[in-house]
Amino acid sequence: MVIAIIGILIGLLLPAVQAAREAARRMQCANNLKQIGLAMHNHADALGVFPAGSSAQIGGGAGSAPCPTGKGDIDLAYASGFVLLFPYIEGKTLYDMAHFELGGVFNYSGTYGGTRWYNGDRKKLVQLRPPVFVCPSSTAEPTCTQAFQRSGWSAYDWESGTGTYALCHGTYGPKVFPFGQSDVGALALCGNTGMFVYGLPRRPAEITDGLSNTFAAGEVRAPDTLNGYSLWAYGSRYESSMRVTTNLLNTASGTGKVRVESWDSINNGAFASEHPLGANFVFGDGHVTFVSDNVDYTAYQDFATIASQVPQPR
């Protein structure tokens, strides 16, 4: 009888303990995003702009309005905006490991050569997994799985550290109909509607909807899988460290009404979280809000734009 009563009590207490632990993890997650938001503002205070979402200006749409020109593949190679924040989160030593004086951190140009790309410091940097870029509720592996080797990804990718936060790229997302054919252009790269786009650092004055009304960054789920692929150091539209609101919050990986199918993956570009019923977002002014899965779709799109217009989903 005593054992049975103890068993019942444990059964009653366990959900409460688990809920308390999840609440603590969600709070720590919010604190991470708060630090990221503060670093963004320190960057803007020092340089007059927020970091670009990705250092890349290459790919479909490069050189066409509004994508800038003037730098080549070697100079601009997909380092995420998170890498540029290190000097403002007491990470100057880590920032120096990126060796931007040698060119881009990630590059696929045949003329680039391995000596600068595979710099020893860089390799150590991208394989790290800084705690500030990882939600404590995440169960993701620290690096990409071996599946990437079978899917055409570079070893430099699948050995890199995963992250569970992404910068808000906006509302435009590419669509692929049929498989393997894309209409990705300047709007999905440099001309997207969010705070963080390819190669173009935003000035605070450009956020005309107000920093308190605009997403800066949010959560990502399953970054170690092909469908949820996200590396904290690598900035790439619709996937690594950059997300859009085309699909609703917490749309399951590999699903969604708009998605990109490439190699063995189906990326839907959605923000997503391990927390029940929603996800944490940091806004442009640095405040953090837990956004519900039931958020109104129009409002969700509006939060992802810097100007007072809500583009139709593509």
C-alpha atoms as a PDB file:
ATOM      1  CA  MET A   1       0.000   0.000   0.000  1.00  0.00           C
ATOM      2  CA  VAL A   2       2.805   2.403   0.980  1.00  0.00           C
ATOM      3  CA  ILE A   3       4.682   1.615  -2.235  1.00  0.00           C
ATOM      4  CA  ALA A   4       1.523   2.186  -4.270  1.00  0.00           C
ATOM      5  CA  ILE A   5       0.919   5.563  -2.611  1.00  0.00           C
ATOM      6  CA  ILE A   6       4.536   6.587  -3.232  1.00  0.00           C
ATOM      7  CA  GLY A   7       4.142   5.569  -6.862  1.00  0.00           C
ATOM      8  CA  ILE A   8       0.992   7.694  -7.219  1.00  0.00           C
ATOM      9  CA  LEU A   9       2.703  10.694  -5.622  1.00  0.00           C
ATOM     10  CA  ILE A  10       5.694  10.366  -7.922  1.00  0.00           C
ATOM     11  CA  GLY A  11       3.324  10.147 -10.881  1.00  0.00           C
ATOM     12  CA  LEU A  12       1.644  13.348  -9.770  1.00  0.00           C
ATOM     13  CA  LEU A  13       4.868  15.195  -9.048  1.00  0.00           C
ATOM     14  CA  LEU A  14       6.805  14.215 -12.183  1.00  0.00           C
ATOM     15  CA  PRO A  15       4.793  16.365 -14.651  1.00  0.00           C
ATOM     16  CA  ALA A  16       5.119  19.346 -12.311  1.00  0.00           C
ATOM     17  CA  VAL A  17       8.890  18.850 -12.059  1.00  0.00           C
ATOM     18  CA  GLN A  18       9.185  18.522 -15.834  1.00  0.00           C
ATOM     19  CA  ALA A  19       7.083  21.647 -16.347  1.00  0.00           C
ATOM     20  CA  ALA A  20       9.255  23.591 -13.902  1.00  0.00           C
ATOM     21  CA  ARG A  21      12.407  22.455 -15.701  1.00  0.00           C
ATOM     22  CA  GLU A  22      10.963  23.442 -19.082  1.00  0.00           C
ATOM     23  CA  ALA A  23       9.970  26.846 -17.697  1.00  0.00           C
ATOM     24  CA  ALA A  24      13.556  27.348 -16.545  1.00  0.00           C
ATOM     25  CA  ARG A  25      14.903  26.295 -19.945  1.00  0.00           C
ATOM     26  CA  ARG A  26      12.496  28.633 -21.716  1.00  0.00           C
ATOM     27  CA  MET A  27      13.666  31.485 -19.496  1.00  0.00           C
ATOM     28  CA  GLN A  28      17.316  30.724 -20.291  1.00  0.00           C
ATOM     29  CA  CYS A  29      16.414  30.618 -23.983  1.00  0.00           C
ATOM     30  CA  ALA A  30      14.847  34.071 -23.638  1.00  0.00           C
ATOM     31  CA  ASN A  31      18.004  35.286 -21.892  1.00  0.00           C
ATOM     32  CA  ASN A  32      20.120  34.009 -24.816  1.00  0.00           C
ATOM     33  CA  LEU A  33      17.995  35.963 -27.266  1.00  0.00           C
ATOM     34  CA  LYS A  34      18.176  39.003 -24.993  1.00  0.00           C
ATOM     35  CA  GLN A  35      21.978  38.851 -25.172  1.00  0.00           C
ATOM     36  CA  ILE A  36      21.810  38.527 -28.954  1.00  0.00           C
ATOM     37  CA  GLY A  37      19.488  41.542 -29.154  1.00  0.00           C
ATOM     38  CA  LEU A  38      21.796  43.603 -26.942  1.00  0.00           C
ATOM     39  CA  ALA A  39      24.786  42.652 -29.111  1.00  0.00           C
ATOM     40  CA  MET A  40      22.871  43.772 -32.215  1.00  0.00           C
ATOM     41  CA  HIS A  41      22.341  47.190 -30.651  1.00  0.00           C
ATOM     42  CA  ASN A  42      25.956  47.456 -29.545  1.00  0.00           C
ATOM     43  CA  HIS A  43      26.942  46.686 -33.155  1.00  0.00           C
ATOM     44  CA  ALA A  44      24.563  49.385 -34.428  1.00  0.00           C
ATOM     45  CA  ASP A  45      25.831  51.895 -31.868  1.00  0.00           C
ATOM     46  CA  ALA A  46      29.433  51.257 -32.885  1.00  0.00           C
ATOM     47  CA  LEU A  47      29.031  51.030 -36.669  1.00  0.00           C
ATOM     48  CA  GLY A  48      25.712  52.700 -37.427  1.00  0.00           C
ATOM     49  CA  VAL A  49      24.154  49.530 -38.843  1.00  0.00           C
ATOM     50  CA  PHE A  50      22.973  46.111 -37.773  1.00  0.00           C
ATOM     51  CA  PRO A  51      25.051  43.254 -39.236  1.00  0.00           C
ATOM     52  CA  ALA A  52      23.998  41.774 -42.555  1.00  0.00           C
ATOM     53  CA  GLY A  53      22.161  38.466 -42.187  1.00  0.00           C
ATOM     54  CA  SER A  54      24.727  36.813 -44.432  1.00  0.00           C
ATOM     55  CA  SER A  55      27.997  38.156 -45.778  1.00  0.00           C
ATOM     56  CA  ALA A  56      27.100  36.601 -49.138  1.00  0.00           C
ATOM     57  CA  GLN A  57      26.009  38.722 -52.071  1.00  0.00           C
ATOM     58  CA  ILE A  58      26.289  35.851 -54.512  1.00  0.00           C
ATOM     59  CA  GLY A  59      23.806  33.369 -55.930  1.00  0.00           C
ATOM     60  CA  GLY A  60      20.644  33.961 -57.922  1.00  0.00           C
ATOM     61  CA  GLY A  61      19.918  37.661 -58.175  1.00  0.00           C
ATOM     62  CA  ALA A  62      23.436  38.878 -57.408  1.00  0.00           C
ATOM     63  CA  GLY A  63      24.172  42.076 -59.251  1.00  0.00           C
ATOM     64  CA  SER A  64      20.516  42.745 -60.001  1.00  0.00           C
ATOM     65  CA  ALA A  65      18.568  45.325 -58.034  1.00  0.00           C
ATOM     66  CA  PRO A  66      18.595  45.506 -55.101  1.00  0.00           C
ATOM     67  CA  CYS A  67      21.586  43.158 -54.701  1.00  0.00           C
ATOM     68  CA  PRO A  68      24.877  45.068 -54.591  1.00  0.00           C
ATOM     69  CA  THR A  69      27.961  44.306 -56.620  1.00  0.00           C
ATOM     70  CA  GLY A  70      31.631  45.083 -56.289  1.00  0.00           C
ATOM     71  CA  LYS A  71      32.953  42.206 -54.217  1.00  0.00           C
ATOM     72  CA  GLY A  72      33.724  38.701 -55.336  1.00  0.00           C
ATOM     73  CA  ASP A  73      33.102  35.251 -53.951  1.00  0.00           C
ATOM     74  CA  ILE A  74      36.326  35.240 -51.947  1.00  0.00           C
ATOM     75  CA  ASP A  75      35.410  38.376 -50.028  1.00  0.00           C
ATOM     76  CA  LEU A  76      31.799  37.450 -49.312  1.00  0.00           C
ATOM     77  CA  ALA A  77      31.265  33.878 -48.332  1.00  0.00           C
ATOM     78  CA  TYR A  78      28.240  33.217 -46.177  1.00  0.00           C
ATOM     79  CA  ALA A  79      29.414  34.113 -42.681  1.00  0.00           C
ATOM     80  CA  SER A  80      26.237  34.641 -40.651  1.00  0.00           C
ATOM     81  CA  GLY A  81      25.349  37.822 -38.820  1.00  0.00           C
ATOM     82  CA  PHE A  82      25.956  35.918 -35.579  1.00  0.00           C
ATOM     83  CA  VAL A  83      29.695  35.740 -36.345  1.00  0.00           C
ATOM     84  CA  LEU A  84      29.765  39.539 -36.633  1.00  0.00           C
ATOM     85  CA  LEU A  85      28.229  39.894 -33.168  1.00  0.00           C
ATOM     86  CA  PHE A  86      31.121  38.279 -31.288  1.00  0.00           C
ATOM     87  CA  PRO A  87      32.941  41.550 -30.487  1.00  0.00           C
ATOM     88  CA  TYR A  88      29.749  42.757 -28.775  1.00  0.00           C
ATOM     89  CA  ILE A  89      29.141  39.674 -26.614  1.00  0.00           C
ATOM     90  CA  GLU A  90      32.627  39.494 -25.122  1.00  0.00           C
ATOM     91  CA  GLY A  91      33.769  37.225 -27.936  1.00  0.00           C
ATOM     92  CA  LYS A  92      36.484  39.268 -29.655  1.00  0.00           C
ATOM     93  CA  THR A  93      38.868  36.298 -29.533  1.00  0.00           C
ATOM     94  CA  LEU A  94      36.310  34.149 -31.370  1.00  0.00           C
ATOM     95  CA  TYR A  95      35.691  36.900 -33.923  1.00  0.00           C
ATOM     96  CA  ASP A  96      39.427  37.091 -34.626  1.00  0.00           C
ATOM     97  CA  MET A  97      39.395  33.351 -35.379  1.00  0.00           C
ATOM     98  CA  ALA A  98      37.191  34.067 -38.420  1.00  0.00           C
ATOM     99  CA  HIS A  99      40.123  35.863 -40.106  1.00  0.00           C
ATOM    100  CA  PHE A 100      37.982  38.037 -42.349  1.00  0.00           C
ATOM    101  CA  GLU A 101      41.192  39.588 -43.644  1.00  0.00           C
ATOM    102  CA  LEU A 102      41.692  36.332 -45.559  1.00  0.00           C
ATOM    103  CA  GLY A 103      38.267  36.384 -47.190  1.00  0.00           C
ATOM    104  CA  GLY A 104      34.955  34.667 -46.515  1.00  0.00           C
ATOM    105  CA  VAL A 105      34.485  31.992 -43.883  1.00  0.00           C
ATOM    106  CA  PHE A 106      32.595  29.603 -46.196  1.00  0.00           C
ATOM    107  CA  ASN A 107      33.163  29.524 -49.934  1.00  0.00           C
ATOM    108  CA  TYR A 108      32.414  27.177 -52.810  1.00  0.00           C
ATOM    109  CA  SER A 109      34.297  28.958 -55.582  1.00  0.00           C
ATOM    110  CA  GLY A 110      36.628  26.717 -57.545  1.00  0.00           C
ATOM    111  CA  THR A 111      39.210  29.496 -57.616  1.00  0.00           C
ATOM    112  CA  TYR A 112      39.156  29.986 -53.871  1.00  0.00           C
ATOM    113  CA  GLY A 113      41.626  27.298 -52.922  1.00  0.00           C
ATOM    114  CA  GLY A 114      41.885  25.401 -49.667  1.00  0.00           C
ATOM    115  CA  THR A 115      44.665  27.238 -47.890  1.00  0.00           C
ATOM    116  CA  ARG A 116      42.535  30.170 -46.744  1.00  0.00           C
ATOM    117  CA  TRP A 117      39.175  28.413 -46.515  1.00  0.00           C
ATOM    118  CA  TYR A 118      40.520  25.672 -44.286  1.00  0.00           C
ATOM    119  CA  ASN A 119      42.418  28.003 -41.998  1.00  0.00           C
ATOM    120  CA  GLY A 120      42.974  26.167 -38.716  1.00  0.00           C
ATOM    121  CA  ASP A 121      41.417  28.888 -36.557  1.00  0.00           C
ATOM    122  CA  ARG A 122      38.337  29.022 -38.766  1.00  0.00           C
ATOM    123  CA  LYS A 123      37.867  25.298 -38.600  1.00  0.00           C
ATOM    124  CA  LYS A 124      37.991  25.442 -34.801  1.00  0.00           C
ATOM    125  CA  LEU A 125      35.590  28.380 -34.754  1.00  0.00           C
ATOM    126  CA  VAL A 126      32.836  26.910 -36.902  1.00  0.00           C
ATOM    127  CA  GLN A 127      33.007  23.591 -35.058  1.00  0.00           C
ATOM    128  CA  LEU A 128      32.351  25.314 -31.742  1.00  0.00           C
ATOM    129  CA  ARG A 129      28.803  25.579 -30.400  1.00  0.00           C
ATOM    130  CA  PRO A 130      28.642  28.772 -28.309  1.00  0.00           C
ATOM    131  CA  PRO A 131      25.932  28.336 -25.621  1.00  0.00           C
ATOM    132  CA  VAL A 132      24.420  31.751 -26.420  1.00  0.00           C
ATOM    133  CA  PHE A 133      23.362  30.382 -29.832  1.00  0.00           C
ATOM    134  CA  VAL A 134      21.701  27.227 -28.460  1.00  0.00           C
ATOM    135  CA  CYS A 135      18.344  26.881 -26.700  1.00  0.00           C
ATOM    136  CA  PRO A 136      18.746  24.647 -23.608  1.00  0.00           C
ATOM    137  CA  SER A 137      15.558  22.772 -24.576  1.00  0.00           C
ATOM    138  CA  SER A 138      17.095  21.620 -27.850  1.00  0.00           C
ATOM    139  CA  THR A 139      17.973  17.940 -28.216  1.00  0.00           C
ATOM    140  CA  ALA A 140      19.852  18.496 -31.490  1.00  0.00           C
ATOM    141  CA  GLU A 141      23.295  17.050 -32.088  1.00  0.00           C
ATOM    142  CA  PRO A 142      26.146  19.575 -31.804  1.00  0.00           C
ATOM    143  CA  THR A 143      27.122  19.067 -35.455  1.00  0.00           C
ATOM    144  CA  CYS A 144      25.314  17.985 -38.599  1.00  0.00           C
ATOM    145  CA  THR A 145      24.663  14.292 -39.035  1.00  0.00           C
ATOM    146  CA  GLN A 146      26.499  12.018 -41.433  1.00  0.00           C
ATOM    147  CA  ALA A 147      23.509  12.320 -43.774  1.00  0.00           C
ATOM    148  CA  PHE A 148      25.118  15.441 -45.167  1.00  0.00           C
ATOM    149  CA  GLN A 149      27.913  13.377 -46.647  1.00  0.00           C
ATOM    150  CA  ARG A 150      25.364  11.508 -48.773  1.00  0.00           C
ATOM    151  CA  SER A 151      23.637  14.660 -49.938  1.00  0.00           C
ATOM    152  CA  GLY A 152      26.338  16.684 -51.602  1.00  0.00           C
ATOM    153  CA  TRP A 153      27.218  18.910 -48.643  1.00  0.00           C
ATOM    154  CA  SER A 154      30.804  19.871 -48.014  1.00  0.00           C
ATOM    155  CA  ALA A 155      32.579  18.280 -45.070  1.00  0.00           C
ATOM    156  CA  TYR A 156      33.089  21.834 -43.833  1.00  0.00           C
ATOM    157  CA  ASP A 157      29.299  22.037 -43.461  1.00  0.00           C
ATOM    158  CA  TRP A 158      28.505  18.836 -41.682  1.00  0.00           C
ATOM    159  CA  GLU A 159      31.394  19.233 -39.250  1.00  0.00           C
ATOM    160  CA  SER A 160      30.181  22.721 -38.267  1.00  0.00           C
ATOM    161  CA  GLY A 161      28.317  23.522 -35.063  1.00  0.00           C
ATOM    162  CA  THR A 162      24.535  23.662 -35.164  1.00  0.00           C
ATOM    163  CA  GLY A 163      22.563  26.591 -33.759  1.00  0.00           C
ATOM    164  CA  THR A 164      18.949  26.968 -32.667  1.00  0.00           C
ATOM    165  CA  TYR A 165      18.409  30.656 -33.427  1.00  0.00           C
ATOM    166  CA  ALA A 166      17.944  32.360 -36.791  1.00  0.00           C
ATOM    167  CA  LEU A 167      17.851  35.945 -37.950  1.00  0.00           C
ATOM    168  CA  CYS A 168      14.597  37.169 -39.488  1.00  0.00           C
ATOM    169  CA  HIS A 169      15.093  37.384 -43.246  1.00  0.00           C
ATOM    170  CA  GLY A 170      11.539  38.568 -43.924  1.00  0.00           C
ATOM    171  CA  THR A 171       8.431  37.193 -45.642  1.00  0.00           C
ATOM    172  CA  TYR A 172       9.641  36.176 -49.100  1.00  0.00           C
ATOM    173  CA  GLY A 173      10.581  32.546 -49.588  1.00  0.00           C
ATOM    174  CA  PRO A 174      11.550  30.628 -52.717  1.00  0.00           C
ATOM    175  CA  LYS A 175       9.270  28.023 -54.204  1.00  0.00           C
ATOM    176  CA  VAL A 176      10.272  25.014 -56.222  1.00  0.00           C
ATOM    177  CA  PHE A 177       7.903  23.630 -58.839  1.00  0.00           C
ATOM    178  CA  PRO A 178       8.787  21.062 -59.991  1.00  0.00           C
ATOM    179  CA  PHE A 179      11.519  19.497 -57.881  1.00  0.00           C
ATOM    180  CA  GLY A 180      14.897  21.044 -58.498  1.00  0.00           C
ATOM    181  CA  GLN A 181      13.727  24.232 -60.231  1.00  0.00           C
ATOM    182  CA  SER A 182      13.616  27.483 -58.299  1.00  0.00           C
ATOM    183  CA  ASP A 183      12.448  31.049 -58.878  1.00  0.00           C
ATOM    184  CA  VAL A 184      14.794  32.427 -56.218  1.00  0.00           C
ATOM    185  CA  GLY A 185      15.856  35.933 -57.118  1.00  0.00           C
ATOM    186  CA  ALA A 186      16.840  39.227 -55.592  1.00  0.00           C
ATOM    187  CA  LEU A 187      13.663  39.424 -53.488  1.00  0.00           C
ATOM    188  CA  ALA A 188      14.576  36.222 -51.670  1.00  0.00           C
ATOM    189  CA  LEU A 189      18.176  37.328 -51.143  1.00  0.00           C
ATOM    190  CA  CYS A 190      19.022  41.022 -50.801  1.00  0.00           C
ATOM    191  CA  GLY A 191      15.516  42.384 -51.245  1.00  0.00           C
ATOM    192  CA  ASN A 192      13.621  40.486 -48.573  1.00  0.00           C
ATOM    193  CA  THR A 193      11.453  42.369 -46.103  1.00  0.00           C
ATOM    194  CA  GLY A 194      13.184  41.610 -42.795  1.00  0.00           C
ATOM    195  CA  MET A 195      15.927  43.166 -40.692  1.00  0.00           C
ATOM    196  CA  PHE A 196      18.625  40.765 -41.902  1.00  0.00           C
ATOM    197  CA  VAL A 197      19.260  40.135 -45.603  1.00  0.00           C
ATOM    198  CA  TYR A 198      22.167  39.182 -47.864  1.00  0.00           C
ATOM    199  CA  GLY A 199      25.047  41.622 -47.942  1.00  0.00           C
ATOM    200  CA  LEU A 200      23.081  44.747 -46.930  1.00  0.00           C
ATOM    201  CA  PRO A 201      23.403  45.892 -43.296  1.00  0.00           C
ATOM    202  CA  ARG A 202      20.221  47.705 -42.231  1.00  0.00           C
ATOM    203  CA  ARG A 203      20.366  51.100 -40.551  1.00  0.00           C
ATOM    204  CA  PRO A 204      18.071  51.516 -37.523  1.00  0.00           C
ATOM    205  CA  ALA A 205      16.277  54.331 -39.385  1.00  0.00           C
ATOM    206  CA  GLU A 206      15.253  51.847 -42.095  1.00  0.00           C
ATOM    207  CA  ILE A 207      13.065  49.965 -39.615  1.00  0.00           C
ATOM    208  CA  THR A 208      10.153  52.314 -40.166  1.00  0.00           C
ATOM    209  CA  ASP A 209       7.593  50.018 -38.525  1.00  0.00           C
ATOM    210  CA  GLY A 210       9.540  50.539 -35.317  1.00  0.00           C
ATOM    211  CA  LEU A 211      12.140  48.296 -33.729  1.00  0.00           C
ATOM    212  CA  SER A 212       9.664  47.223 -31.045  1.00  0.00           C
ATOM    213  CA  ASN A 213       7.330  45.870 -33.754  1.00  0.00           C
ATOM    214  CA  THR A 214       9.874  43.985 -35.864  1.00  0.00           C
ATOM    215  CA  PHE A 215      11.331  40.491 -35.426  1.00  0.00           C
ATOM    216  CA  ALA A 216      15.112  40.406 -35.178  1.00  0.00           C
ATOM    217  CA  ALA A 217      15.627  36.697 -34.482  1.00  0.00           C
ATOM    218  CA  GLY A 218      13.713  33.611 -33.370  1.00  0.00           C
ATOM    219  CA  GLU A 219      14.103  29.923 -32.702  1.00  0.00           C
ATOM    220  CA  VAL A 220      14.937  26.996 -34.985  1.00  0.00           C
ATOM    221  CA  ARG A 221      14.153  23.322 -34.398  1.00  0.00           C
ATOM    222  CA  ALA A 222      16.072  20.194 -35.543  1.00  0.00           C
ATOM    223  CA  PRO A 223      19.127  22.069 -36.904  1.00  0.00           C
ATOM    224  CA  ASP A 224      21.104  18.816 -37.148  1.00  0.00           C
ATOM    225  CA  THR A 225      18.770  17.306 -39.763  1.00  0.00           C
ATOM    226  CA  LEU A 226      18.552  17.868 -43.498  1.00  0.00           C
ATOM    227  CA  ASN A 227      15.053  19.327 -43.252  1.00  0.00           C
ATOM    228  CA  GLY A 228      15.927  21.692 -40.395  1.00  0.00           C
ATOM    229  CA  TYR A 229      19.544  22.393 -41.389  1.00  0.00           C
ATOM    230  CA  SER A 230      20.988  25.334 -39.444  1.00  0.00           C
ATOM    231  CA  LEU A 231      24.591  26.186 -38.638  1.00  0.00           C
ATOM    232  CA  TRP A 232      25.124  29.210 -36.394  1.00  0.00           C
ATOM    233  CA  ALA A 233      28.177  30.431 -38.359  1.00  0.00           C
ATOM    234  CA  TYR A 234      26.682  30.005 -41.841  1.00  0.00           C
ATOM    235  CA  GLY A 235      24.191  32.512 -43.246  1.00  0.00           C
ATOM    236  CA  SER A 236      21.965  31.123 -45.977  1.00  0.00           C
ATOM    237  CA  ARG A 237      18.399  32.132 -46.911  1.00  0.00           C
ATOM    238  CA  TYR A 238      15.585  29.831 -45.861  1.00  0.00           C
ATOM    239  CA  GLU A 239      17.910  27.625 -43.827  1.00  0.00           C
ATOM    240  CA  SER A 240      21.144  28.249 -41.928  1.00  0.00           C
ATOM    241  CA  SER A 241      20.755  31.122 -39.474  1.00  0.00           C
ATOM    242  CA  MET A 242      18.091  32.828 -41.616  1.00  0.00           C
ATOM    243  CA  ARG A 243      14.351  32.164 -41.549  1.00  0.00           C
ATOM    244  CA  VAL A 244      11.164  33.656 -42.982  1.00  0.00           C
ATOM    245  CA  THR A 245       7.504  33.730 -41.949  1.00  0.00           C
ATOM    246  CA  THR A 246       6.081  32.358 -45.209  1.00  0.00           C
ATOM    247  CA  ASN A 247       5.071  29.217 -43.343  1.00  0.00           C
ATOM    248  CA  LEU A 248       3.463  29.482 -39.935  1.00  0.00           C
ATOM    249  CA  LEU A 249       5.417  29.210 -36.707  1.00  0.00           C
ATOM    250  CA  ASN A 250       6.262  25.601 -35.806  1.00  0.00           C
ATOM    251  CA  THR A 251       5.367  24.219 -39.224  1.00  0.00           C
ATOM    252  CA  ALA A 252       6.923  20.746 -39.046  1.00  0.00           C
ATOM    253  CA  SER A 253      10.222  20.211 -40.854  1.00  0.00           C
ATOM    254  CA  GLY A 254       9.726  18.685 -44.293  1.00  0.00           C
ATOM    255  CA  THR A 255       6.188  20.068 -44.623  1.00  0.00           C
ATOM    256  CA  GLY A 256       4.576  23.419 -45.432  1.00  0.00           C
ATOM    257  CA  LYS A 257       2.793  25.081 -48.313  1.00  0.00           C
ATOM    258  CA  VAL A 258       5.992  26.788 -49.486  1.00  0.00           C
ATOM    259  CA  ARG A 259       9.288  24.943 -49.314  1.00  0.00           C
ATOM    260  CA  VAL A 260      12.566  24.216 -51.052  1.00  0.00           C
ATOM    261  CA  GLU A 261      13.408  20.697 -52.111  1.00  0.00           C
ATOM    262  CA  SER A 262      17.081  20.108 -52.783  1.00  0.00           C
ATOM    263  CA  TRP A 263      19.314  17.091 -52.492  1.00  0.00           C
ATOM    264  CA  ASP A 264      17.538  14.905 -49.924  1.00  0.00           C
ATOM    265  CA  SER A 265      16.086  17.802 -47.936  1.00  0.00           C
ATOM    266  CA  ILE A 266      12.791  19.678 -47.783  1.00  0.00           C
ATOM    267  CA  ASN A 267      13.377  23.043 -46.114  1.00  0.00           C
ATOM    268  CA  ASN A 268      10.326  25.132 -45.270  1.00  0.00           C
ATOM    269  CA  GLY A 269      12.135  28.155 -43.828  1.00  0.00           C
ATOM    270  CA  ALA A 270       9.909  28.190 -40.741  1.00  0.00           C
ATOM    271  CA  PHE A 271      10.795  29.419 -37.284  1.00  0.00           C
ATOM    272  CA  ALA A 272      10.209  26.591 -34.814  1.00  0.00           C
ATOM    273  CA  SER A 273      10.872  25.704 -31.195  1.00  0.00           C
ATOM    274  CA  GLU A 274      11.174  22.813 -28.753  1.00  0.00           C
ATOM    275  CA  HIS A 275       9.032  24.750 -26.275  1.00  0.00           C
ATOM    276  CA  PRO A 276       5.360  23.759 -26.129  1.00  0.00           C
ATOM    277  CA  LEU A 277       2.804  26.018 -27.841  1.00  0.00           C
ATOM    278  CA  GLY A 278       5.106  28.659 -29.301  1.00  0.00           C
ATOM    279  CA  ALA A 279       8.609  30.084 -29.607  1.00  0.00           C
ATOM    280  CA  ASN A 280      10.760  32.904 -28.263  1.00  0.00           C
ATOM    281  CA  PHE A 281      11.559  35.898 -30.493  1.00  0.00           C
ATOM    282  CA  VAL A 282      13.764  38.903 -29.883  1.00  0.00           C
ATOM    283  CA  PHE A 283      12.518  42.128 -31.457  1.00  0.00           C
ATOM    284  CA  GLY A 284      14.550  44.941 -32.936  1.00  0.00           C
ATOM    285  CA  ASP A 285      14.501  46.964 -29.720  1.00  0.00           C
ATOM    286  CA  GLY A 286      15.922  44.007 -27.762  1.00  0.00           C
ATOM    287  CA  HIS A 287      12.801  42.857 -25.909  1.00  0.00           C
ATOM    288  CA  VAL A 288      11.943  39.144 -26.013  1.00  0.00           C
ATOM    289  CA  THR A 289       8.417  37.776 -26.417  1.00  0.00           C
ATOM    290  CA  PHE A 290       7.051  34.236 -26.427  1.00  0.00           C
ATOM    291  CA  VAL A 291       4.910  34.078 -29.584  1.00  0.00           C
ATOM    292  CA  SER A 292       2.035  31.600 -29.600  1.00  0.00           C
ATOM    293  CA  ASP A 293       1.501  28.980 -32.292  1.00  0.00           C
ATOM    294  CA  ASN A 294      -1.932  30.570 -32.702  1.00  0.00           C
ATOM    295  CA  VAL A 295      -0.532  33.950 -33.728  1.00  0.00           C
ATOM    296  CA  ASP A 296      -2.594  35.623 -36.439  1.00  0.00           C
ATOM    297  CA  TYR A 297      -0.980  34.966 -39.829  1.00  0.00           C
ATOM    298  CA  THR A 298      -1.209  38.589 -40.994  1.00  0.00           C
ATOM    299  CA  ALA A 299       0.285  39.852 -37.750  1.00  0.00           C
ATOM    300  CA  TYR A 300       3.034  37.239 -38.000  1.00  0.00           C
ATOM    301  CA  GLN A 301       3.917  38.505 -41.482  1.00  0.00           C
ATOM    302  CA  ASP A 302       3.841  42.107 -40.317  1.00  0.00           C
ATOM    303  CA  PHE A 303       6.300  41.380 -37.490  1.00  0.00           C
ATOM    304  CA  ALA A 304       8.740  40.086 -40.130  1.00  0.00           C
ATOM    305  CA  THR A 305       8.751  43.284 -42.195  1.00  0.00           C
ATOM    306  CA  ILE A 306      10.676  46.481 -41.574  1.00  0.00           C
ATOM    307  CA  ALA A 307       8.140  48.653 -43.439  1.00  0.00           C
ATOM    308  CA  SER A 308       4.366  48.937 -43.292  1.00  0.00           C
ATOM    309  CA  GLN A 309       3.453  46.460 -45.958  1.00  0.00           C
ATOM    310  CA  VAL A 310       2.540  42.818 -45.763  1.00  0.00           C
ATOM    311  CA  PRO A 311       3.650  41.027 -48.961  1.00  0.00           C
ATOM    312  CA  GLN A 312       1.529  38.119 -50.100  1.00  0.00           C
ATOM    313  CA  PRO A 313       3.136  34.732 -49.456  1.00  0.00           C
ATOM    314  CA  ARG A 314       4.888  33.235 -52.468  1.00  0.00           C
END
